[in-house]
Amino acid sequence: MPGKHQHFQEPEVGCCGKYFLFGFNIVFWVLGGLFLAIGLWAWSEKGVLSNISALTDLGGLDPVWLFVVVGGVMSVLGFAGCIGALRENTFLLKFFSVFLGLIFFLELATGILAFVFKDWIRDQLNLFINNNVKAYRDDIDLQNLIDFAQEYWSCCGARGPNDWNLNIYFNCTDLNPSRERCGVPFSCCVRDPAEDVLNTQCGYDVRLKLELEQQGFIHTKGCVGQFEKWLQDNLIVVAGVFVGIALLQIFGICLAQNLVSDIKAVKANW
């Protein structure tokens, strides 16, 4: 009988997983770089890069931080996943998996803590918004962010319009020389659909009126309560977005770990 030859298939790195992970991460790398570039450009426009101490001068949140932090994280993750997959570098792939896993567990822990300590989170959100109310005129990006939030959620201040007493331009003290004294920003105003031109002075002196009268001119509900209501009304959509992000993260971790296993199997066969 002729001799039989047995052929054993040698382990190999799966091309589909490798190039899918590469393509998936190159998008994140580019987007992260874009976010980071926008953040640094915004800082340069405000003169922060030439005066680093300006980073700590703002009493509230500088929205540019969001672009810089998110862009930085996305860039690091995208680089590690992209180069790790392309060069079959197990160190970068493991770094990608661990980093992504850490972010996933931080998100999970934040969600659980937010559910368990709802009252504490509400108090912290009130404090956070009021700190930004104080710094409203200190930074144009923060000002635009607060105006957007108040217009979008039809609210004014953290708990109500009187929170604007915390701002030196809007407080109602007799010694306040500001023309905006006892007023609120225009973003608190109830917009007239017939108005073509935005009246930025619509909030002047409005808090000198009785509370029932104020309701005809400005939104009197606080942003914390309105945000909670918005979350309840859009719970399915919000939950769907978070579940989608979590599934993408888990998929990325599994893909990277599978690629690491393939690479180790190939190296063990050398």
Protein backbone atom coordinates (compact mmCIF):
# COMPACT_ATOMS: atom_id res chain seq x y z
CA MET A 1 0.00 0.00 0.00
CA PRO A 2 1.28 3.41 -0.81
CA GLY A 3 2.36 5.42 2.21
CA LYS A 4 -0.13 7.87 3.55
CA HIS A 5 1.02 11.41 4.20
CA GLN A 6 -0.71 13.32 6.98
CA HIS A 7 -0.94 17.07 6.58
CA PHE A 8 -1.45 19.23 9.66
CA GLN A 9 -2.77 22.73 9.18
CA GLU A 10 -0.43 25.20 10.82
CA PRO A 11 -2.00 27.93 12.95
CA GLU A 12 -2.27 31.30 11.24
CA VAL A 13 -3.43 34.81 12.06
CA GLY A 14 -6.97 35.40 10.84
CA CYS A 15 -6.90 38.12 8.17
CA CYS A 16 -10.57 39.09 8.57
CA GLY A 17 -10.27 39.84 12.28
CA LYS A 18 -6.92 41.55 11.81
CA TYR A 19 -8.02 43.97 9.10
CA PHE A 20 -11.44 44.56 10.64
CA LEU A 21 -9.77 45.61 13.90
CA PHE A 22 -7.35 47.76 11.90
CA GLY A 23 -10.14 49.50 9.95
CA PHE A 24 -12.30 49.88 13.06
CA ASN A 25 -9.50 51.61 14.97
CA ILE A 26 -8.18 53.80 12.18
CA VAL A 27 -11.58 55.55 12.17
CA PHE A 28 -11.27 56.16 15.95
CA TRP A 29 -7.67 57.30 15.52
CA VAL A 30 -8.63 59.88 12.88
CA LEU A 31 -11.68 61.09 14.83
CA GLY A 32 -9.64 61.30 18.04
CA GLY A 33 -6.94 63.32 16.28
CA LEU A 34 -9.62 65.64 14.90
CA PHE A 35 -11.20 66.16 18.34
CA LEU A 36 -7.77 66.80 19.87
CA ALA A 37 -6.86 69.27 17.12
CA ILE A 38 -10.14 71.18 17.62
CA GLY A 39 -9.52 71.34 21.38
CA LEU A 40 -5.94 72.59 21.02
CA TRP A 41 -7.00 75.10 18.35
CA ALA A 42 -9.75 76.44 20.67
CA TRP A 43 -7.22 76.79 23.48
CA SER A 44 -4.78 78.60 21.21
CA GLU A 45 -7.55 81.01 20.14
CA LYS A 46 -8.23 81.78 23.82
CA GLY A 47 -4.51 82.18 24.56
CA VAL A 48 -4.44 79.23 26.96
CA LEU A 49 -1.45 77.57 25.29
CA SER A 50 0.66 80.70 25.79
CA ASN A 51 -0.57 81.12 29.38
CA ILE A 52 -0.99 77.67 30.99
CA SER A 53 -2.20 79.22 34.27
CA ALA A 54 -5.37 80.24 32.41
CA LEU A 55 -6.44 76.59 32.61
CA THR A 56 -7.08 76.98 36.34
CA ASP A 57 -8.45 80.54 36.21
CA LEU A 58 -11.93 79.48 35.12
CA GLY A 59 -14.25 78.73 38.05
CA GLY A 60 -16.50 76.43 35.99
CA LEU A 61 -16.04 73.84 33.28
CA ASP A 62 -14.14 74.74 30.14
CA PRO A 63 -15.99 72.73 27.41
CA VAL A 64 -12.74 72.51 25.44
CA TRP A 65 -11.55 70.01 28.07
CA LEU A 66 -14.14 67.56 26.70
CA PHE A 67 -12.62 67.74 23.22
CA VAL A 68 -9.07 67.38 24.53
CA VAL A 69 -9.81 64.46 26.91
CA VAL A 70 -12.11 62.56 24.52
CA GLY A 71 -9.78 63.22 21.59
CA GLY A 72 -6.74 62.11 23.60
CA VAL A 73 -8.37 58.86 24.76
CA MET A 74 -9.68 58.06 21.28
CA SER A 75 -6.27 58.78 19.74
CA VAL A 76 -4.41 56.52 22.19
CA LEU A 77 -6.93 53.69 21.80
CA GLY A 78 -7.05 54.07 18.02
CA PHE A 79 -3.25 54.08 17.74
CA ALA A 80 -2.82 51.01 19.93
CA GLY A 81 -5.55 49.02 18.19
CA CYS A 82 -4.60 50.11 14.68
CA ILE A 83 -0.83 49.60 14.88
CA GLY A 84 -1.22 46.54 17.11
CA ALA A 85 -3.42 44.82 14.52
CA LEU A 86 -1.37 45.89 11.50
CA ARG A 87 2.03 44.98 12.99
CA GLU A 88 0.66 42.02 14.97
CA ASN A 89 2.11 43.58 18.10
CA THR A 90 0.78 41.70 21.14
CA PHE A 91 1.87 44.41 23.59
CA LEU A 92 -0.20 47.10 21.84
CA LEU A 93 -3.14 44.73 21.43
CA LYS A 94 -3.07 43.84 25.14
CA PHE A 95 -2.79 47.53 26.03
CA PHE A 96 -5.80 48.22 23.77
CA SER A 97 -7.83 45.45 25.46
CA VAL A 98 -6.95 46.47 29.02
CA PHE A 99 -7.52 50.20 28.36
CA LEU A 100 -10.87 49.53 26.66
CA GLY A 101 -11.86 47.11 29.43
CA LEU A 102 -10.99 49.72 32.08
CA ILE A 103 -13.18 52.31 30.33
CA PHE A 104 -16.01 49.76 30.10
CA PHE A 105 -15.88 48.95 33.83
CA LEU A 106 -15.66 52.65 34.73
CA GLU A 107 -18.80 53.29 32.67
CA LEU A 108 -20.54 50.32 34.30
CA ALA A 109 -19.53 51.44 37.81
CA THR A 110 -20.66 55.01 37.08
CA GLY A 111 -24.06 53.77 35.87
CA ILE A 112 -24.57 51.58 38.96
CA LEU A 113 -23.46 54.34 41.37
CA ALA A 114 -25.68 56.88 39.59
CA PHE A 115 -28.67 54.54 40.07
CA VAL A 116 -27.89 53.69 43.71
CA PHE A 117 -26.95 57.21 44.84
CA LYS A 118 -29.49 59.21 42.83
CA ASP A 119 -29.98 61.89 45.50
CA TRP A 120 -26.23 62.44 45.92
CA ILE A 121 -25.80 62.65 42.12
CA ARG A 122 -28.64 65.20 41.97
CA ASP A 123 -26.93 67.33 44.64
CA GLN A 124 -23.60 67.13 42.81
CA LEU A 125 -25.28 68.11 39.55
CA ASN A 126 -26.87 71.10 41.28
CA LEU A 127 -23.47 72.12 42.65
CA PHE A 128 -21.80 71.61 39.26
CA ILE A 129 -24.37 73.73 37.39
CA ASN A 130 -24.23 76.51 40.00
CA ASN A 131 -20.42 76.61 39.81
CA ASN A 132 -20.77 77.11 36.05
CA VAL A 133 -23.47 79.74 36.58
CA LYS A 134 -20.92 81.72 38.65
CA ALA A 135 -18.38 81.52 35.81
CA TYR A 136 -20.92 82.24 33.04
CA ARG A 137 -19.23 85.41 31.77
CA ASP A 138 -15.67 84.13 32.28
CA ASP A 139 -15.47 81.98 29.16
CA ILE A 140 -17.35 82.25 25.85
CA ASP A 141 -17.41 78.46 25.31
CA LEU A 142 -18.93 77.86 28.75
CA GLN A 143 -21.43 80.65 28.10
CA ASN A 144 -22.51 79.04 24.81
CA LEU A 145 -22.80 75.62 26.50
CA ILE A 146 -25.06 76.97 29.29
CA ASP A 147 -27.18 78.89 26.79
CA PHE A 148 -27.59 75.77 24.66
CA ALA A 149 -28.58 73.65 27.70
CA GLN A 150 -31.11 76.21 28.97
CA GLU A 151 -32.67 76.62 25.53
CA TYR A 152 -32.75 72.88 24.75
CA TRP A 153 -34.27 71.82 28.09
CA SER A 154 -36.40 74.99 28.51
CA CYS A 155 -34.95 75.67 31.94
CA CYS A 156 -33.18 78.35 33.93
CA GLY A 157 -30.48 77.77 36.55
CA ALA A 158 -29.96 74.52 38.45
CA ARG A 159 -33.14 74.68 40.57
CA GLY A 160 -34.69 77.85 39.12
CA PRO A 161 -34.04 81.45 37.93
CA ASN A 162 -32.93 82.65 41.38
CA ASP A 163 -29.75 80.57 41.01
CA TRP A 164 -28.52 83.43 38.80
CA ASN A 165 -28.04 85.43 42.01
CA LEU A 166 -24.78 83.48 42.25
CA ASN A 167 -23.42 85.37 39.24
CA ILE A 168 -21.96 88.82 39.95
CA TYR A 169 -23.59 90.32 36.83
CA PHE A 170 -27.10 89.00 37.50
CA ASN A 171 -27.39 89.08 41.31
CA CYS A 172 -30.04 91.28 42.89
CA THR A 173 -27.96 93.10 45.51
CA ASP A 174 -28.45 96.87 45.69
CA LEU A 175 -24.71 97.45 45.20
CA ASN A 176 -24.64 95.62 41.87
CA PRO A 177 -24.05 98.27 39.15
CA SER A 178 -24.62 95.83 36.25
CA ARG A 179 -27.46 96.49 33.80
CA GLU A 180 -28.18 92.74 34.01
CA ARG A 181 -28.95 93.05 37.74
CA CYS A 182 -32.00 90.94 38.76
CA GLY A 183 -32.12 89.47 35.28
CA VAL A 184 -31.30 86.17 33.59
CA PRO A 185 -29.51 85.27 30.34
CA PHE A 186 -31.57 85.41 27.15
CA SER A 187 -31.46 81.61 26.96
CA CYS A 188 -33.92 81.49 29.90
CA CYS A 189 -36.53 83.46 27.95
CA VAL A 190 -39.69 81.95 26.50
CA ARG A 191 -39.14 82.41 22.78
CA ASP A 192 -41.85 83.96 20.63
CA PRO A 193 -42.03 81.90 17.39
CA ALA A 194 -43.00 85.07 15.51
CA GLU A 195 -39.72 86.77 16.45
CA ASP A 196 -37.22 86.75 13.59
CA VAL A 197 -34.45 88.51 15.54
CA LEU A 198 -33.29 87.17 18.91
CA ASN A 199 -33.81 89.68 21.72
CA THR A 200 -30.73 89.21 23.92
CA GLN A 201 -32.11 91.71 26.48
CA CYS A 202 -35.36 89.81 27.10
CA GLY A 203 -34.20 88.68 30.56
CA TYR A 204 -33.41 92.14 31.93
CA ASP A 205 -35.10 92.94 35.30
CA VAL A 206 -37.37 89.91 34.96
CA ARG A 207 -36.71 88.67 38.52
CA LEU A 208 -38.09 91.91 39.89
CA LYS A 209 -41.53 90.65 38.81
CA LEU A 210 -43.71 88.29 40.86
CA GLU A 211 -43.10 84.58 40.21
CA LEU A 212 -46.43 84.13 38.42
CA GLU A 213 -45.61 87.05 36.13
CA GLN A 214 -42.14 85.63 35.42
CA GLN A 215 -43.68 82.51 33.87
CA GLY A 216 -44.90 84.57 30.93
CA PHE A 217 -41.39 85.77 30.14
CA ILE A 218 -38.89 83.09 31.22
CA HIS A 219 -38.68 79.36 31.94
CA THR A 220 -38.99 78.97 35.70
CA LYS A 221 -38.11 75.27 35.99
CA GLY A 222 -34.57 74.26 36.99
CA CYS A 223 -32.26 72.44 34.57
CA VAL A 224 -31.65 69.50 36.93
CA GLY A 225 -35.36 68.64 37.07
CA GLN A 226 -35.79 69.18 33.32
CA PHE A 227 -32.78 66.99 32.57
CA GLU A 228 -34.19 64.19 34.76
CA LYS A 229 -37.54 64.49 32.96
CA TRP A 230 -35.78 64.35 29.57
CA LEU A 231 -33.93 61.20 30.66
CA GLN A 232 -37.19 59.54 31.70
CA ASP A 233 -38.91 60.52 28.44
CA ASN A 234 -36.00 59.25 26.33
CA LEU A 235 -34.98 56.32 28.52
CA ILE A 236 -35.17 53.71 25.73
CA VAL A 237 -33.06 55.78 23.33
CA VAL A 238 -30.46 56.66 26.00
CA ALA A 239 -30.26 53.04 27.19
CA GLY A 240 -29.99 51.85 23.58
CA VAL A 241 -27.04 54.18 22.93
CA PHE A 242 -25.21 53.02 26.07
CA VAL A 243 -25.88 49.34 25.32
CA GLY A 244 -24.64 49.85 21.75
CA ILE A 245 -21.42 51.49 22.99
CA ALA A 246 -20.92 48.68 25.55
CA LEU A 247 -21.40 45.99 22.88
CA LEU A 248 -18.89 47.72 20.60
CA GLN A 249 -16.36 47.84 23.44
CA ILE A 250 -16.87 44.15 24.30
CA PHE A 251 -16.61 43.23 20.61
CA GLY A 252 -13.35 45.21 20.31
CA ILE A 253 -11.87 43.51 23.40
CA CYS A 254 -12.84 40.02 22.14
CA LEU A 255 -11.44 40.75 18.68
CA ALA A 256 -8.13 41.99 20.10
CA GLN A 257 -7.82 39.02 22.48
CA ASN A 258 -8.59 36.57 19.65
CA LEU A 259 -5.89 38.20 17.54
CA VAL A 260 -3.40 37.94 20.43
CA SER A 261 -4.19 34.22 20.76
CA ASP A 262 -3.65 33.67 17.01
CA ILE A 263 -0.32 35.53 17.09
CA LYS A 264 0.88 33.52 20.11
CA ALA A 265 -0.15 30.25 18.42
CA VAL A 266 1.80 31.16 15.27
CA LYS A 267 4.88 32.17 17.28
CA ALA A 268 4.71 28.93 19.31
CA ASN A 269 4.84 26.95 16.07
CA TRP A 270 8.11 28.59 14.90
